[in-house]
Amino acid sequence: MKYRAVTKKEGDWWIGWLVDLPGVNAQERTYEELVQSLKIGAEDMLSLKVDLPEDARLETIEV
């Protein structure tokens, strides 16, 4: 999957966040480390267990 990321150099740090997954953000010393941290954050968020009501179902839709 592809997600849009905002990245920028801020002093000695690289900071970034995923526009499409609010809450996934990172701060690292190098751009490469930042991208890796954002990927891990996205994987973690997407693997979270979702509690659903008994009469609901979880679906994946393609946009």
N, C-alpha and C. Protein backbone atom coordinates (compact mmCIF):
# COMPACT_ATOMS: atom_id res chain seq x y z
N MET A 1 0.84 -1.18 0.00
CA MET A 1 0.00 0.00 0.00
C MET A 1 0.88 1.24 0.00
N LYS A 2 0.36 2.29 -0.55
CA LYS A 2 1.10 3.55 -0.58
C LYS A 2 0.36 4.59 0.24
N TYR A 3 1.12 5.38 0.99
CA TYR A 3 0.56 6.45 1.80
C TYR A 3 1.33 7.73 1.54
N ARG A 4 0.64 8.83 1.60
CA ARG A 4 1.30 10.12 1.42
C ARG A 4 1.97 10.53 2.72
N ALA A 5 3.24 10.94 2.62
CA ALA A 5 4.02 11.34 3.79
C ALA A 5 4.50 12.78 3.61
N VAL A 6 4.44 13.54 4.68
CA VAL A 6 5.04 14.86 4.73
C VAL A 6 6.35 14.69 5.50
N THR A 7 7.47 15.09 4.89
CA THR A 7 8.77 14.98 5.56
C THR A 7 9.51 16.30 5.44
N LYS A 8 10.27 16.62 6.48
CA LYS A 8 11.09 17.84 6.40
C LYS A 8 12.22 17.78 7.41
N LYS A 9 13.27 18.50 7.07
CA LYS A 9 14.45 18.61 7.94
C LYS A 9 14.20 19.76 8.90
N GLU A 10 14.35 19.50 10.18
CA GLU A 10 14.14 20.50 11.23
C GLU A 10 15.38 20.49 12.12
N GLY A 11 16.31 21.40 11.86
CA GLY A 11 17.57 21.39 12.60
C GLY A 11 18.35 20.13 12.27
N ASP A 12 18.73 19.37 13.31
CA ASP A 12 19.47 18.13 13.12
C ASP A 12 18.56 16.92 12.91
N TRP A 13 17.26 17.12 12.91
CA TRP A 13 16.30 16.02 12.86
C TRP A 13 15.48 16.04 11.58
N TRP A 14 15.04 14.87 11.18
CA TRP A 14 14.03 14.73 10.14
C TRP A 14 12.72 14.41 10.84
N ILE A 15 11.66 15.11 10.48
CA ILE A 15 10.34 14.83 11.05
C ILE A 15 9.38 14.52 9.91
N GLY A 16 8.36 13.73 10.22
CA GLY A 16 7.39 13.40 9.19
C GLY A 16 6.15 12.77 9.77
N TRP A 17 5.12 12.75 8.93
CA TRP A 17 3.86 12.12 9.32
C TRP A 17 3.14 11.65 8.07
N LEU A 18 2.23 10.70 8.26
CA LEU A 18 1.46 10.16 7.15
C LEU A 18 0.12 10.89 7.09
N VAL A 19 -0.14 11.52 5.98
CA VAL A 19 -1.38 12.27 5.79
C VAL A 19 -2.58 11.33 5.87
N ASP A 20 -2.45 10.14 5.31
CA ASP A 20 -3.55 9.20 5.19
C ASP A 20 -3.80 8.36 6.45
N LEU A 21 -2.87 8.39 7.38
CA LEU A 21 -3.03 7.65 8.64
C LEU A 21 -2.73 8.61 9.79
N PRO A 22 -3.70 9.43 10.17
CA PRO A 22 -3.46 10.38 11.27
C PRO A 22 -2.96 9.66 12.52
N GLY A 23 -1.96 10.24 13.14
CA GLY A 23 -1.38 9.64 14.34
C GLY A 23 -0.07 8.91 14.06
N VAL A 24 0.22 8.64 12.81
CA VAL A 24 1.50 8.01 12.46
C VAL A 24 2.49 9.13 12.14
N ASN A 25 3.42 9.34 13.04
CA ASN A 25 4.44 10.37 12.87
C ASN A 25 5.74 9.88 13.47
N ALA A 26 6.83 10.54 13.09
CA ALA A 26 8.14 10.10 13.57
C ALA A 26 9.14 11.24 13.51
N GLN A 27 10.22 11.05 14.23
CA GLN A 27 11.35 11.98 14.24
C GLN A 27 12.62 11.14 14.32
N GLU A 28 13.51 11.34 13.36
CA GLU A 28 14.74 10.55 13.31
C GLU A 28 15.91 11.43 12.86
N ARG A 29 17.12 10.94 13.04
CA ARG A 29 18.33 11.68 12.65
C ARG A 29 18.57 11.69 11.15
N THR A 30 18.14 10.62 10.44
CA THR A 30 18.35 10.58 9.00
C THR A 30 17.01 10.37 8.29
N TYR A 31 16.99 10.75 7.01
CA TYR A 31 15.79 10.58 6.21
C TYR A 31 15.43 9.09 6.09
N GLU A 32 16.42 8.25 5.89
CA GLU A 32 16.18 6.82 5.74
C GLU A 32 15.56 6.23 7.01
N GLU A 33 16.06 6.65 8.17
CA GLU A 33 15.49 6.18 9.44
C GLU A 33 14.06 6.69 9.61
N LEU A 34 13.81 7.91 9.17
CA LEU A 34 12.47 8.47 9.26
C LEU A 34 11.48 7.65 8.44
N VAL A 35 11.83 7.36 7.20
CA VAL A 35 10.95 6.58 6.34
C VAL A 35 10.69 5.20 6.96
N GLN A 36 11.72 4.57 7.49
CA GLN A 36 11.55 3.27 8.13
C GLN A 36 10.62 3.36 9.33
N SER A 37 10.77 4.39 10.15
CA SER A 37 9.91 4.57 11.31
C SER A 37 8.45 4.81 10.90
N LEU A 38 8.25 5.56 9.82
CA LEU A 38 6.88 5.78 9.33
C LEU A 38 6.26 4.48 8.83
N LYS A 39 7.05 3.65 8.18
CA LYS A 39 6.56 2.35 7.72
C LYS A 39 6.15 1.47 8.90
N ILE A 40 6.98 1.44 9.92
CA ILE A 40 6.68 0.65 11.12
C ILE A 40 5.43 1.19 11.80
N GLY A 41 5.32 2.51 11.90
CA GLY A 41 4.14 3.12 12.50
C GLY A 41 2.87 2.76 11.75
N ALA A 42 2.93 2.76 10.42
CA ALA A 42 1.77 2.40 9.61
C ALA A 42 1.40 0.93 9.83
N GLU A 43 2.40 0.06 9.84
CA GLU A 43 2.14 -1.37 10.09
C GLU A 43 1.51 -1.58 11.45
N ASP A 44 2.04 -0.90 12.46
CA ASP A 44 1.49 -1.02 13.82
C ASP A 44 0.03 -0.56 13.87
N MET A 45 -0.24 0.60 13.26
CA MET A 45 -1.61 1.12 13.30
C MET A 45 -2.57 0.19 12.58
N LEU A 46 -2.17 -0.31 11.42
CA LEU A 46 -3.06 -1.16 10.64
C LEU A 46 -3.25 -2.54 11.24
N SER A 47 -2.38 -2.94 12.15
CA SER A 47 -2.52 -4.25 12.78
C SER A 47 -3.28 -4.20 14.11
N LEU A 48 -3.70 -3.00 14.52
CA LEU A 48 -4.44 -2.88 15.77
C LEU A 48 -5.76 -3.64 15.71
N LYS A 49 -6.10 -4.30 16.80
CA LYS A 49 -7.36 -5.02 16.87
C LYS A 49 -8.49 -4.00 16.98
N VAL A 50 -9.53 -4.22 16.21
CA VAL A 50 -10.69 -3.33 16.22
C VAL A 50 -11.84 -4.07 16.89
N ASP A 51 -12.35 -3.50 17.97
CA ASP A 51 -13.51 -4.09 18.64
C ASP A 51 -14.77 -3.68 17.89
N LEU A 52 -15.52 -4.68 17.45
CA LEU A 52 -16.73 -4.43 16.67
C LEU A 52 -17.96 -4.89 17.42
N PRO A 53 -19.08 -4.22 17.22
CA PRO A 53 -20.33 -4.74 17.77
C PRO A 53 -20.66 -6.10 17.13
N GLU A 54 -21.46 -6.90 17.80
CA GLU A 54 -21.77 -8.25 17.29
C GLU A 54 -22.40 -8.22 15.91
N ASP A 55 -23.17 -7.19 15.60
CA ASP A 55 -23.89 -7.15 14.33
C ASP A 55 -23.12 -6.39 13.24
N ALA A 56 -21.83 -6.16 13.45
CA ALA A 56 -21.02 -5.41 12.48
C ALA A 56 -19.94 -6.31 11.91
N ARG A 57 -19.40 -5.90 10.78
CA ARG A 57 -18.30 -6.63 10.18
C ARG A 57 -17.23 -5.64 9.73
N LEU A 58 -16.01 -6.09 9.71
CA LEU A 58 -14.88 -5.29 9.26
C LEU A 58 -14.60 -5.63 7.81
N GLU A 59 -14.55 -4.63 6.96
CA GLU A 59 -14.32 -4.86 5.54
C GLU A 59 -13.14 -4.03 5.05
N THR A 60 -12.56 -4.49 3.98
CA THR A 60 -11.53 -3.72 3.28
C THR A 60 -12.11 -3.29 1.95
N ILE A 61 -12.04 -2.00 1.67
CA ILE A 61 -12.54 -1.51 0.40
C ILE A 61 -11.41 -0.91 -0.41
N GLU A 62 -11.51 -1.00 -1.70
CA GLU A 62 -10.50 -0.41 -2.57
C GLU A 62 -11.02 0.92 -3.10
N VAL A 63 -10.18 1.93 -3.02
CA VAL A 63 -10.58 3.26 -3.47
C VAL A 63 -9.89 3.57 -4.78
